[in-house]
Amino acid sequence: MSIHTTPLDDLVACPQCDTLHMARNLPENSQAHCQRCGIVLMTSQPSAIARVLSLALTAFVMMIAAISFPFLTLDAGGLQNATSVLDAVMAFKDGYAFPLAVAVAFFIIVIPLIRLSALIYALGPLVREAKPRQGARKAFALAEKLRPWSMAEIFIVGVTVALIKVAGLAAVTIGPAFWAFAGVVVITVLKDQLICRYSIWETLDKASA
């Protein structure tokens, strides 16, 4: 009795439920979905990598804006106080709350910036159909590993809930950094929906060879 085995390079694992699928060449502008959970596994869009890179660059610029400009301004009893994302992080710097300040800084600022930088580094040459930079595979792998730890969207949800509660106590003016952060969240969702990890790995392998 002979046993048919499929090479591991021809298999694609669903990132959501780990179901294995056979990798196939897709028609242009088409998608392949997981048979179990329906998540997109592969896409065949020639401009997809360029779009992902454009979104990553836009998100990076907006992250810089989000930590540079005022996040919101509170006005209560004639007293006005403007705060930024960095001010919110530094509010926990004293005493036993210092580890919380470090955690907040990493999860909402440092890790998102590192992930976006790694994506830009890995995908930049691929858009020009040039040879990948040295360490491009490691950079893309790092971006994928950091994906669950990038929590800018959770920060925005928490801030929105806090604003609803504070609005009855003081006049709240939303600053440009809030909209920049919200833009980063929307762009990140779009980027993660558009990105085809299998295609990027295949492109990196072929370009390196």
N, C-alpha and C. Protein backbone atom coordinates (compact mmCIF):
# COMPACT_ATOMS: atom_id res chain seq x y z
N MET A 1 0.85 -1.19 0.00
CA MET A 1 0.00 0.00 0.00
C MET A 1 0.88 1.24 0.00
N SER A 2 0.64 2.16 -0.90
CA SER A 2 1.43 3.39 -0.99
C SER A 2 0.68 4.53 -0.30
N ILE A 3 1.43 5.38 0.35
CA ILE A 3 0.86 6.52 1.06
C ILE A 3 1.26 7.79 0.33
N HIS A 4 0.26 8.56 -0.06
CA HIS A 4 0.53 9.81 -0.78
C HIS A 4 0.77 10.92 0.25
N THR A 5 1.87 11.57 0.12
CA THR A 5 2.20 12.68 1.02
C THR A 5 2.33 13.97 0.21
N THR A 6 1.87 15.05 0.78
CA THR A 6 1.94 16.36 0.13
C THR A 6 3.10 17.15 0.71
N PRO A 7 3.98 17.71 -0.12
CA PRO A 7 5.08 18.53 0.40
C PRO A 7 4.55 19.67 1.26
N LEU A 8 5.27 19.95 2.32
CA LEU A 8 4.82 21.01 3.23
C LEU A 8 4.77 22.36 2.54
N ASP A 9 5.65 22.57 1.55
CA ASP A 9 5.66 23.86 0.85
C ASP A 9 4.38 24.08 0.05
N ASP A 10 3.63 23.01 -0.23
CA ASP A 10 2.39 23.13 -1.01
C ASP A 10 1.15 23.25 -0.12
N LEU A 11 1.36 23.37 1.19
CA LEU A 11 0.24 23.46 2.13
C LEU A 11 0.16 24.87 2.71
N VAL A 12 -1.06 25.32 2.95
CA VAL A 12 -1.30 26.62 3.58
C VAL A 12 -2.15 26.38 4.82
N ALA A 13 -1.67 26.86 5.96
CA ALA A 13 -2.41 26.72 7.22
C ALA A 13 -3.23 27.97 7.48
N CYS A 14 -4.48 27.77 7.81
CA CYS A 14 -5.34 28.90 8.13
C CYS A 14 -4.85 29.57 9.42
N PRO A 15 -4.63 30.89 9.42
CA PRO A 15 -4.16 31.57 10.63
C PRO A 15 -5.20 31.63 11.73
N GLN A 16 -6.47 31.34 11.38
CA GLN A 16 -7.55 31.42 12.36
C GLN A 16 -7.82 30.08 13.04
N CYS A 17 -7.92 28.99 12.24
CA CYS A 17 -8.32 27.68 12.80
C CYS A 17 -7.29 26.58 12.52
N ASP A 18 -6.18 26.92 11.84
CA ASP A 18 -5.08 25.98 11.57
C ASP A 18 -5.44 24.85 10.60
N THR A 19 -6.55 24.96 9.88
CA THR A 19 -6.88 23.96 8.88
C THR A 19 -5.90 24.04 7.71
N LEU A 20 -5.42 22.88 7.24
CA LEU A 20 -4.47 22.84 6.15
C LEU A 20 -5.19 22.78 4.81
N HIS A 21 -4.67 23.53 3.85
CA HIS A 21 -5.24 23.56 2.51
C HIS A 21 -4.11 23.43 1.49
N MET A 22 -4.45 22.92 0.32
CA MET A 22 -3.50 22.87 -0.78
C MET A 22 -3.35 24.25 -1.41
N ALA A 23 -2.10 24.68 -1.60
CA ALA A 23 -1.85 25.96 -2.26
C ALA A 23 -2.03 25.79 -3.77
N ARG A 24 -2.78 26.70 -4.38
CA ARG A 24 -3.02 26.63 -5.82
C ARG A 24 -2.82 28.00 -6.44
N ASN A 25 -2.54 28.00 -7.74
CA ASN A 25 -2.43 29.26 -8.48
C ASN A 25 -3.83 29.81 -8.71
N LEU A 26 -4.04 31.05 -8.27
CA LEU A 26 -5.36 31.66 -8.38
C LEU A 26 -5.45 32.54 -9.61
N PRO A 27 -6.65 32.65 -10.18
CA PRO A 27 -6.85 33.63 -11.26
C PRO A 27 -6.63 35.04 -10.72
N GLU A 28 -6.30 35.96 -11.59
CA GLU A 28 -6.03 37.34 -11.16
C GLU A 28 -7.27 37.96 -10.53
N ASN A 29 -7.02 38.74 -9.47
CA ASN A 29 -8.08 39.44 -8.72
C ASN A 29 -9.09 38.47 -8.10
N SER A 30 -8.61 37.35 -7.59
CA SER A 30 -9.48 36.38 -6.92
C SER A 30 -8.93 36.09 -5.53
N GLN A 31 -9.73 35.42 -4.71
CA GLN A 31 -9.36 35.09 -3.34
C GLN A 31 -9.66 33.63 -3.05
N ALA A 32 -8.90 33.06 -2.12
CA ALA A 32 -9.17 31.70 -1.63
C ALA A 32 -9.47 31.80 -0.14
N HIS A 33 -10.58 31.16 0.27
CA HIS A 33 -11.03 31.24 1.65
C HIS A 33 -10.88 29.88 2.34
N CYS A 34 -10.73 29.94 3.66
CA CYS A 34 -10.66 28.71 4.45
C CYS A 34 -12.00 27.98 4.38
N GLN A 35 -11.96 26.67 4.15
CA GLN A 35 -13.19 25.88 4.04
C GLN A 35 -13.90 25.75 5.38
N ARG A 36 -13.19 25.96 6.48
CA ARG A 36 -13.81 25.79 7.79
C ARG A 36 -14.35 27.10 8.35
N CYS A 37 -13.51 28.14 8.40
CA CYS A 37 -13.93 29.38 9.06
C CYS A 37 -14.19 30.53 8.09
N GLY A 38 -13.79 30.38 6.83
CA GLY A 38 -14.11 31.40 5.83
C GLY A 38 -13.14 32.54 5.73
N ILE A 39 -12.06 32.58 6.53
CA ILE A 39 -11.11 33.66 6.47
C ILE A 39 -10.32 33.61 5.16
N VAL A 40 -9.89 34.77 4.67
CA VAL A 40 -9.13 34.82 3.43
C VAL A 40 -7.73 34.23 3.65
N LEU A 41 -7.38 33.24 2.83
CA LEU A 41 -6.07 32.59 2.93
C LEU A 41 -5.10 33.14 1.90
N MET A 42 -5.55 33.31 0.68
CA MET A 42 -4.69 33.74 -0.41
C MET A 42 -5.46 34.72 -1.28
N THR A 43 -4.72 35.66 -1.85
CA THR A 43 -5.30 36.57 -2.83
C THR A 43 -4.38 36.64 -4.03
N SER A 44 -4.95 36.97 -5.17
CA SER A 44 -4.16 37.14 -6.38
C SER A 44 -4.45 38.52 -6.94
N GLN A 45 -3.77 39.52 -6.37
CA GLN A 45 -3.93 40.89 -6.79
C GLN A 45 -2.54 41.48 -7.01
N PRO A 46 -2.18 41.77 -8.25
CA PRO A 46 -0.83 42.26 -8.54
C PRO A 46 -0.44 43.51 -7.76
N SER A 47 -1.42 44.36 -7.44
CA SER A 47 -1.12 45.61 -6.75
C SER A 47 -1.28 45.52 -5.25
N ALA A 48 -1.52 44.31 -4.71
CA ALA A 48 -1.81 44.17 -3.28
C ALA A 48 -0.62 44.60 -2.42
N ILE A 49 0.59 44.18 -2.79
CA ILE A 49 1.76 44.53 -1.98
C ILE A 49 1.98 46.03 -1.97
N ALA A 50 1.77 46.69 -3.13
CA ALA A 50 1.92 48.14 -3.18
C ALA A 50 0.88 48.83 -2.30
N ARG A 51 -0.34 48.29 -2.26
CA ARG A 51 -1.38 48.87 -1.40
C ARG A 51 -1.04 48.70 0.07
N VAL A 52 -0.56 47.50 0.43
CA VAL A 52 -0.19 47.25 1.82
C VAL A 52 0.93 48.19 2.24
N LEU A 53 1.93 48.36 1.36
CA LEU A 53 3.04 49.27 1.67
C LEU A 53 2.55 50.70 1.83
N SER A 54 1.65 51.13 0.95
CA SER A 54 1.11 52.49 1.04
C SER A 54 0.36 52.70 2.36
N LEU A 55 -0.43 51.71 2.75
CA LEU A 55 -1.17 51.81 4.01
C LEU A 55 -0.22 51.81 5.21
N ALA A 56 0.84 51.01 5.14
CA ALA A 56 1.82 50.97 6.23
C ALA A 56 2.53 52.31 6.37
N LEU A 57 2.91 52.91 5.25
CA LEU A 57 3.56 54.22 5.29
C LEU A 57 2.62 55.28 5.84
N THR A 58 1.36 55.24 5.41
CA THR A 58 0.38 56.20 5.91
C THR A 58 0.16 56.04 7.41
N ALA A 59 0.04 54.79 7.86
CA ALA A 59 -0.16 54.54 9.29
C ALA A 59 1.05 55.00 10.10
N PHE A 60 2.25 54.81 9.55
CA PHE A 60 3.46 55.23 10.27
C PHE A 60 3.47 56.75 10.46
N VAL A 61 3.16 57.49 9.40
CA VAL A 61 3.13 58.96 9.49
C VAL A 61 2.05 59.40 10.49
N MET A 62 0.89 58.75 10.45
CA MET A 62 -0.18 59.13 11.36
C MET A 62 0.14 58.77 12.80
N MET A 63 0.92 57.70 13.02
CA MET A 63 1.35 57.37 14.38
C MET A 63 2.27 58.45 14.93
N ILE A 64 3.17 58.95 14.08
CA ILE A 64 4.05 60.05 14.52
C ILE A 64 3.21 61.28 14.88
N ALA A 65 2.20 61.56 14.06
CA ALA A 65 1.31 62.69 14.36
C ALA A 65 0.53 62.45 15.65
N ALA A 66 0.13 61.20 15.88
CA ALA A 66 -0.68 60.89 17.05
C ALA A 66 0.07 61.10 18.36
N ILE A 67 1.38 60.92 18.34
CA ILE A 67 2.16 61.11 19.57
C ILE A 67 2.80 62.49 19.64
N SER A 68 2.59 63.31 18.60
CA SER A 68 3.22 64.64 18.57
C SER A 68 2.24 65.76 18.88
N PHE A 69 0.97 65.59 18.51
CA PHE A 69 -0.01 66.65 18.68
C PHE A 69 -0.88 66.40 19.91
N PRO A 70 -1.60 67.42 20.36
CA PRO A 70 -2.51 67.24 21.51
C PRO A 70 -3.58 66.20 21.22
N PHE A 71 -3.85 65.36 22.23
CA PHE A 71 -4.83 64.30 22.06
C PHE A 71 -6.23 64.82 22.39
N LEU A 72 -6.36 65.52 23.50
CA LEU A 72 -7.63 66.14 23.86
C LEU A 72 -7.38 67.26 24.85
N THR A 73 -8.37 68.13 24.98
CA THR A 73 -8.30 69.26 25.90
C THR A 73 -9.53 69.24 26.81
N LEU A 74 -9.30 69.38 28.11
CA LEU A 74 -10.39 69.41 29.10
C LEU A 74 -10.53 70.83 29.63
N ASP A 75 -11.76 71.30 29.71
CA ASP A 75 -12.05 72.63 30.23
C ASP A 75 -13.13 72.50 31.30
N ALA A 76 -12.75 72.75 32.56
CA ALA A 76 -13.69 72.63 33.67
C ALA A 76 -13.44 73.76 34.66
N GLY A 77 -14.48 74.50 34.99
CA GLY A 77 -14.36 75.58 35.98
C GLY A 77 -13.37 76.65 35.58
N GLY A 78 -13.24 76.91 34.30
CA GLY A 78 -12.31 77.94 33.84
C GLY A 78 -10.89 77.46 33.70
N LEU A 79 -10.62 76.23 34.11
CA LEU A 79 -9.27 75.67 33.98
C LEU A 79 -9.21 74.78 32.75
N GLN A 80 -8.19 74.98 31.95
CA GLN A 80 -8.03 74.22 30.70
C GLN A 80 -6.73 73.43 30.74
N ASN A 81 -6.81 72.17 30.32
CA ASN A 81 -5.63 71.31 30.34
C ASN A 81 -5.61 70.47 29.07
N ALA A 82 -4.53 70.59 28.32
CA ALA A 82 -4.35 69.81 27.10
C ALA A 82 -3.38 68.67 27.38
N THR A 83 -3.66 67.52 26.84
CA THR A 83 -2.79 66.37 27.08
C THR A 83 -2.54 65.64 25.77
N SER A 84 -1.41 64.95 25.71
CA SER A 84 -1.03 64.17 24.54
C SER A 84 -0.92 62.71 24.95
N VAL A 85 -0.68 61.85 23.98
CA VAL A 85 -0.50 60.43 24.27
C VAL A 85 0.70 60.22 25.19
N LEU A 86 1.77 60.96 24.93
CA LEU A 86 2.96 60.83 25.78
C LEU A 86 2.67 61.30 27.20
N ASP A 87 1.85 62.35 27.34
CA ASP A 87 1.47 62.81 28.69
C ASP A 87 0.68 61.73 29.42
N ALA A 88 -0.19 61.02 28.69
CA ALA A 88 -0.97 59.94 29.30
C ALA A 88 -0.06 58.81 29.78
N VAL A 89 0.98 58.52 29.01
CA VAL A 89 1.93 57.48 29.41
C VAL A 89 2.72 57.92 30.64
N MET A 90 3.18 59.16 30.62
CA MET A 90 4.01 59.67 31.71
C MET A 90 3.23 59.87 33.00
N ALA A 91 1.90 59.86 32.93
CA ALA A 91 1.10 60.02 34.13
C ALA A 91 1.29 58.86 35.10
N PHE A 92 1.78 57.72 34.59
CA PHE A 92 1.97 56.53 35.44
C PHE A 92 3.44 56.32 35.81
N LYS A 93 4.30 57.32 35.59
CA LYS A 93 5.73 57.10 35.73
C LYS A 93 6.21 57.05 37.18
N ASP A 94 5.41 57.50 38.12
CA ASP A 94 5.85 57.58 39.51
C ASP A 94 5.43 56.35 40.31
N GLY A 95 6.30 55.93 41.20
CA GLY A 95 5.98 54.87 42.15
C GLY A 95 5.76 53.51 41.51
N TYR A 96 4.81 52.77 42.10
CA TYR A 96 4.57 51.40 41.66
C TYR A 96 3.89 51.32 40.30
N ALA A 97 3.39 52.43 39.80
CA ALA A 97 2.70 52.42 38.51
C ALA A 97 3.66 52.52 37.33
N PHE A 98 4.96 52.64 37.59
CA PHE A 98 5.93 52.78 36.49
C PHE A 98 5.88 51.61 35.49
N PRO A 99 5.77 50.34 35.95
CA PRO A 99 5.65 49.25 34.97
C PRO A 99 4.44 49.41 34.06
N LEU A 100 3.35 50.00 34.60
CA LEU A 100 2.17 50.24 33.77
C LEU A 100 2.48 51.25 32.67
N ALA A 101 3.26 52.28 33.02
CA ALA A 101 3.65 53.28 32.01
C ALA A 101 4.46 52.63 30.90
N VAL A 102 5.38 51.74 31.28
CA VAL A 102 6.20 51.05 30.28
C VAL A 102 5.32 50.18 29.39
N ALA A 103 4.38 49.45 29.99
CA ALA A 103 3.50 48.56 29.23
C ALA A 103 2.64 49.37 28.25
N VAL A 104 2.06 50.47 28.73
CA VAL A 104 1.22 51.30 27.86
C VAL A 104 2.03 51.85 26.70
N ALA A 105 3.24 52.32 26.99
CA ALA A 105 4.10 52.87 25.94
C ALA A 105 4.43 51.82 24.88
N PHE A 106 4.73 50.61 25.32
CA PHE A 106 5.08 49.56 24.37
C PHE A 106 3.88 49.13 23.54
N PHE A 107 2.72 48.91 24.18
CA PHE A 107 1.58 48.36 23.47
C PHE A 107 0.93 49.34 22.50
N ILE A 108 0.93 50.65 22.81
CA ILE A 108 0.22 51.59 21.95
C ILE A 108 1.15 52.48 21.13
N ILE A 109 2.45 52.49 21.42
CA ILE A 109 3.37 53.34 20.66
C ILE A 109 4.52 52.54 20.05
N VAL A 110 5.32 51.91 20.89
CA VAL A 110 6.56 51.28 20.43
C VAL A 110 6.28 50.10 19.50
N ILE A 111 5.44 49.16 19.95
CA ILE A 111 5.19 47.96 19.15
C ILE A 111 4.51 48.30 17.82
N PRO A 112 3.47 49.16 17.78
CA PRO A 112 2.91 49.52 16.47
C PRO A 112 3.93 50.14 15.53
N LEU A 113 4.81 51.01 16.06
CA LEU A 113 5.83 51.63 15.21
C LEU A 113 6.85 50.61 14.71
N ILE A 114 7.25 49.68 15.58
CA ILE A 114 8.19 48.64 15.15
C ILE A 114 7.56 47.77 14.08
N ARG A 115 6.30 47.40 14.27
CA ARG A 115 5.62 46.54 13.29
C ARG A 115 5.50 47.23 11.94
N LEU A 116 5.10 48.50 11.94
CA LEU A 116 4.98 49.23 10.69
C LEU A 116 6.35 49.40 10.02
N SER A 117 7.38 49.68 10.81
CA SER A 117 8.73 49.83 10.25
C SER A 117 9.21 48.52 9.63
N ALA A 118 8.92 47.41 10.28
CA ALA A 118 9.33 46.10 9.75
C ALA A 118 8.63 45.81 8.43
N LEU A 119 7.33 46.13 8.35
CA LEU A 119 6.59 45.92 7.10
C LEU A 119 7.17 46.78 5.97
N ILE A 120 7.43 48.04 6.26
CA ILE A 120 7.98 48.95 5.25
C ILE A 120 9.35 48.45 4.78
N TYR A 121 10.17 48.00 5.73
CA TYR A 121 11.50 47.50 5.39
C TYR A 121 11.42 46.26 4.50
N ALA A 122 10.49 45.36 4.82
CA ALA A 122 10.40 44.09 4.09
C ALA A 122 9.75 44.25 2.73
N LEU A 123 8.74 45.12 2.61
CA LEU A 123 7.97 45.20 1.38
C LEU A 123 8.45 46.25 0.40
N GLY A 124 9.25 47.21 0.87
CA GLY A 124 9.69 48.30 0.00
C GLY A 124 10.28 47.85 -1.33
N PRO A 125 11.32 47.01 -1.31
CA PRO A 125 11.91 46.58 -2.58
C PRO A 125 10.99 45.73 -3.44
N LEU A 126 10.06 45.01 -2.83
CA LEU A 126 9.18 44.13 -3.60
C LEU A 126 8.28 44.93 -4.54
N VAL A 127 7.89 46.13 -4.13
CA VAL A 127 7.05 46.98 -4.98
C VAL A 127 7.81 47.37 -6.25
N ARG A 128 9.12 47.57 -6.12
CA ARG A 128 9.94 47.93 -7.27
C ARG A 128 10.46 46.70 -8.01
N GLU A 129 10.00 45.51 -7.57
CA GLU A 129 10.46 44.24 -8.14
C GLU A 129 11.98 44.11 -8.05
N ALA A 130 12.52 44.63 -6.95
CA ALA A 130 13.96 44.54 -6.70
C ALA A 130 14.23 43.42 -5.71
N LYS A 131 15.50 43.11 -5.52
CA LYS A 131 15.89 42.07 -4.57
C LYS A 131 15.59 42.54 -3.15
N PRO A 132 15.01 41.68 -2.31
CA PRO A 132 14.69 42.09 -0.93
C PRO A 132 15.92 42.51 -0.16
N ARG A 133 15.72 43.39 0.79
CA ARG A 133 16.82 43.80 1.65
C ARG A 133 17.27 42.63 2.53
N GLN A 134 18.48 42.73 3.01
CA GLN A 134 18.99 41.70 3.91
C GLN A 134 18.14 41.66 5.19
N GLY A 135 17.69 40.49 5.55
CA GLY A 135 16.87 40.34 6.73
C GLY A 135 15.41 40.66 6.51
N ALA A 136 14.96 40.72 5.23
CA ALA A 136 13.57 41.05 4.94
C ALA A 136 12.62 39.99 5.49
N ARG A 137 13.01 38.73 5.39
CA ARG A 137 12.16 37.65 5.91
C ARG A 137 12.01 37.76 7.43
N LYS A 138 13.11 38.06 8.11
CA LYS A 138 13.05 38.21 9.57
C LYS A 138 12.20 39.43 9.95
N ALA A 139 12.29 40.50 9.15
CA ALA A 139 11.50 41.69 9.44
C ALA A 139 10.02 41.40 9.29
N PHE A 140 9.64 40.68 8.21
CA PHE A 140 8.23 40.36 8.02
C PHE A 140 7.74 39.39 9.10
N ALA A 141 8.60 38.44 9.48
CA ALA A 141 8.23 37.51 10.56
C ALA A 141 8.03 38.27 11.88
N LEU A 142 8.88 39.27 12.13
CA LEU A 142 8.74 40.08 13.34
C LEU A 142 7.41 40.85 13.31
N ALA A 143 7.06 41.41 12.16
CA ALA A 143 5.79 42.13 12.04
C ALA A 143 4.61 41.22 12.33
N GLU A 144 4.70 39.97 11.89
CA GLU A 144 3.61 39.02 12.13
C GLU A 144 3.54 38.62 13.60
N LYS A 145 4.69 38.44 14.24
CA LYS A 145 4.71 38.07 15.65
C LYS A 145 4.17 39.19 16.54
N LEU A 146 4.40 40.43 16.14
CA LEU A 146 3.96 41.57 16.95
C LEU A 146 2.50 41.93 16.71
N ARG A 147 1.87 41.33 15.72
CA ARG A 147 0.49 41.70 15.38
C ARG A 147 -0.46 41.58 16.56
N PRO A 148 -0.44 40.50 17.36
CA PRO A 148 -1.39 40.42 18.49
C PRO A 148 -1.09 41.42 19.60
N TRP A 149 0.13 41.96 19.63
CA TRP A 149 0.53 42.84 20.73
C TRP A 149 0.41 44.32 20.38
N SER A 150 -0.01 44.62 19.15
CA SER A 150 -0.21 46.01 18.74
C SER A 150 -1.64 46.39 19.12
N MET A 151 -1.80 47.24 20.13
CA MET A 151 -3.11 47.45 20.74
C MET A 151 -3.59 48.89 20.64
N ALA A 152 -3.30 49.54 19.53
CA ALA A 152 -3.76 50.92 19.35
C ALA A 152 -5.28 50.99 19.32
N GLU A 153 -5.92 49.97 18.71
CA GLU A 153 -7.38 50.00 18.62
C GLU A 153 -8.03 49.84 20.01
N ILE A 154 -7.41 49.06 20.89
CA ILE A 154 -7.94 48.90 22.25
C ILE A 154 -7.81 50.22 23.01
N PHE A 155 -6.72 50.93 22.78
CA PHE A 155 -6.52 52.23 23.42
C PHE A 155 -7.62 53.21 23.00
N ILE A 156 -7.95 53.21 21.70
CA ILE A 156 -8.98 54.13 21.20
C ILE A 156 -10.33 53.79 21.81
N VAL A 157 -10.65 52.50 21.91
CA VAL A 157 -11.92 52.10 22.51
C VAL A 157 -11.98 52.55 23.97
N GLY A 158 -10.89 52.35 24.71
CA GLY A 158 -10.85 52.77 26.11
C GLY A 158 -11.00 54.27 26.26
N VAL A 159 -10.35 55.03 25.38
CA VAL A 159 -10.44 56.49 25.45
C VAL A 159 -11.87 56.94 25.13
N THR A 160 -12.49 56.32 24.15
CA THR A 160 -13.85 56.69 23.78
C THR A 160 -14.82 56.48 24.94
N VAL A 161 -14.68 55.34 25.63
CA VAL A 161 -15.53 55.07 26.80
C VAL A 161 -15.28 56.11 27.89
N ALA A 162 -14.00 56.45 28.12
CA ALA A 162 -13.67 57.44 29.15
C ALA A 162 -14.23 58.81 28.78
N LEU A 163 -14.19 59.17 27.48
CA LEU A 163 -14.71 60.48 27.06
C LEU A 163 -16.20 60.58 27.31
N ILE A 164 -16.92 59.50 27.11
CA ILE A 164 -18.36 59.51 27.34
C ILE A 164 -18.66 59.80 28.81
N LYS A 165 -17.86 59.25 29.71
CA LYS A 165 -18.07 59.45 31.15
C LYS A 165 -17.62 60.85 31.59
N VAL A 166 -16.54 61.36 30.97
CA VAL A 166 -16.01 62.66 31.38
C VAL A 166 -16.82 63.82 30.79
N ALA A 167 -17.50 63.57 29.68
CA ALA A 167 -18.21 64.64 28.98
C ALA A 167 -19.22 65.36 29.87
N GLY A 168 -19.79 64.67 30.85
CA GLY A 168 -20.75 65.30 31.75
C GLY A 168 -20.11 66.14 32.83
N LEU A 169 -18.80 66.02 33.01
CA LEU A 169 -18.11 66.75 34.08
C LEU A 169 -17.30 67.92 33.56
N ALA A 170 -16.88 67.86 32.30
CA ALA A 170 -16.05 68.93 31.74
C ALA A 170 -16.27 69.01 30.24
N ALA A 171 -15.92 70.16 29.69
CA ALA A 171 -15.99 70.34 28.23
C ALA A 171 -14.77 69.68 27.61
N VAL A 172 -15.01 68.74 26.72
CA VAL A 172 -13.93 67.97 26.11
C VAL A 172 -13.79 68.38 24.66
N THR A 173 -12.58 68.77 24.28
CA THR A 173 -12.27 69.08 22.89
C THR A 173 -11.29 68.04 22.36
N ILE A 174 -11.70 67.35 21.34
CA ILE A 174 -10.86 66.30 20.75
C ILE A 174 -9.79 66.94 19.87
N GLY A 175 -8.55 66.57 20.11
CA GLY A 175 -7.43 67.12 19.37
C GLY A 175 -7.10 66.32 18.11
N PRO A 176 -6.17 66.82 17.30
CA PRO A 176 -5.80 66.13 16.06
C PRO A 176 -5.18 64.76 16.29
N ALA A 177 -4.53 64.56 17.43
CA ALA A 177 -3.91 63.26 17.71
C ALA A 177 -4.97 62.16 17.84
N PHE A 178 -6.15 62.51 18.37
CA PHE A 178 -7.22 61.51 18.50
C PHE A 178 -7.62 61.01 17.13
N TRP A 179 -7.83 61.94 16.18
CA TRP A 179 -8.24 61.54 14.84
C TRP A 179 -7.12 60.79 14.13
N ALA A 180 -5.88 61.18 14.41
CA ALA A 180 -4.75 60.45 13.81
C ALA A 180 -4.71 59.02 14.32
N PHE A 181 -4.93 58.85 15.63
CA PHE A 181 -4.95 57.50 16.22
C PHE A 181 -6.10 56.68 15.65
N ALA A 182 -7.27 57.33 15.53
CA ALA A 182 -8.42 56.63 14.95
C ALA A 182 -8.13 56.23 13.51
N GLY A 183 -7.43 57.10 12.78
CA GLY A 183 -7.05 56.78 11.41
C GLY A 183 -6.09 55.60 11.35
N VAL A 184 -5.17 55.53 12.29
CA VAL A 184 -4.25 54.40 12.35
C VAL A 184 -5.01 53.09 12.55
N VAL A 185 -6.02 53.11 13.41
CA VAL A 185 -6.81 51.90 13.67
C VAL A 185 -7.53 51.45 12.40
N VAL A 186 -8.17 52.39 11.70
CA VAL A 186 -8.89 52.04 10.48
C VAL A 186 -7.94 51.51 9.41
N ILE A 187 -6.81 52.18 9.24
CA ILE A 187 -5.83 51.76 8.24
C ILE A 187 -5.26 50.39 8.58
N THR A 188 -5.01 50.14 9.85
CA THR A 188 -4.47 48.85 10.27
C THR A 188 -5.45 47.73 9.95
N VAL A 189 -6.74 47.98 10.21
CA VAL A 189 -7.75 46.96 9.89
C VAL A 189 -7.78 46.69 8.39
N LEU A 190 -7.77 47.75 7.59
CA LEU A 190 -7.78 47.58 6.14
C LEU A 190 -6.53 46.84 5.66
N LYS A 191 -5.38 47.20 6.24
CA LYS A 191 -4.12 46.57 5.84
C LYS A 191 -4.11 45.09 6.17
N ASP A 192 -4.59 44.74 7.35
CA ASP A 192 -4.59 43.33 7.75
C ASP A 192 -5.60 42.52 6.94
N GLN A 193 -6.67 43.17 6.44
CA GLN A 193 -7.62 42.48 5.59
C GLN A 193 -7.07 42.28 4.18
N LEU A 194 -6.26 43.23 3.73
CA LEU A 194 -5.74 43.19 2.36
C LEU A 194 -4.52 42.30 2.21
N ILE A 195 -3.72 42.21 3.27
CA ILE A 195 -2.44 41.52 3.17
C ILE A 195 -2.64 40.02 2.95
N CYS A 196 -1.85 39.47 2.05
CA CYS A 196 -1.85 38.02 1.80
C CYS A 196 -0.47 37.51 2.22
N ARG A 197 -0.42 36.94 3.41
CA ARG A 197 0.86 36.53 3.97
C ARG A 197 1.53 35.45 3.13
N TYR A 198 0.74 34.51 2.62
CA TYR A 198 1.32 33.44 1.80
C TYR A 198 1.99 34.02 0.55
N SER A 199 1.32 34.97 -0.10
CA SER A 199 1.88 35.57 -1.31
C SER A 199 3.16 36.35 -1.00
N ILE A 200 3.18 37.02 0.14
CA ILE A 200 4.38 37.79 0.50
C ILE A 200 5.55 36.85 0.78
N TRP A 201 5.28 35.76 1.52
CA TRP A 201 6.35 34.79 1.76
C TRP A 201 6.86 34.21 0.45
N GLU A 202 5.94 33.88 -0.47
CA GLU A 202 6.35 33.33 -1.75
C GLU A 202 7.18 34.34 -2.55
N THR A 203 6.74 35.62 -2.52
CA THR A 203 7.47 36.66 -3.25
C THR A 203 8.86 36.87 -2.66
N LEU A 204 8.96 36.87 -1.33
CA LEU A 204 10.26 37.01 -0.68
C LEU A 204 11.19 35.85 -1.04
N ASP A 205 10.65 34.64 -1.07
CA ASP A 205 11.46 33.47 -1.40
C ASP A 205 11.96 33.54 -2.85
N LYS A 206 11.05 33.86 -3.77
CA LYS A 206 11.43 33.91 -5.19
C LYS A 206 12.41 35.06 -5.47
N ALA A 207 12.17 36.21 -4.84
CA ALA A 207 13.06 37.35 -5.07
C ALA A 207 14.45 37.10 -4.49
N SER A 208 14.48 36.41 -3.34
CA SER A 208 15.79 36.11 -2.72
C SER A 208 16.57 35.10 -3.56
N ALA A 209 15.84 34.16 -4.19
CA ALA A 209 16.51 33.16 -5.03
C ALA A 209 17.06 33.76 -6.31
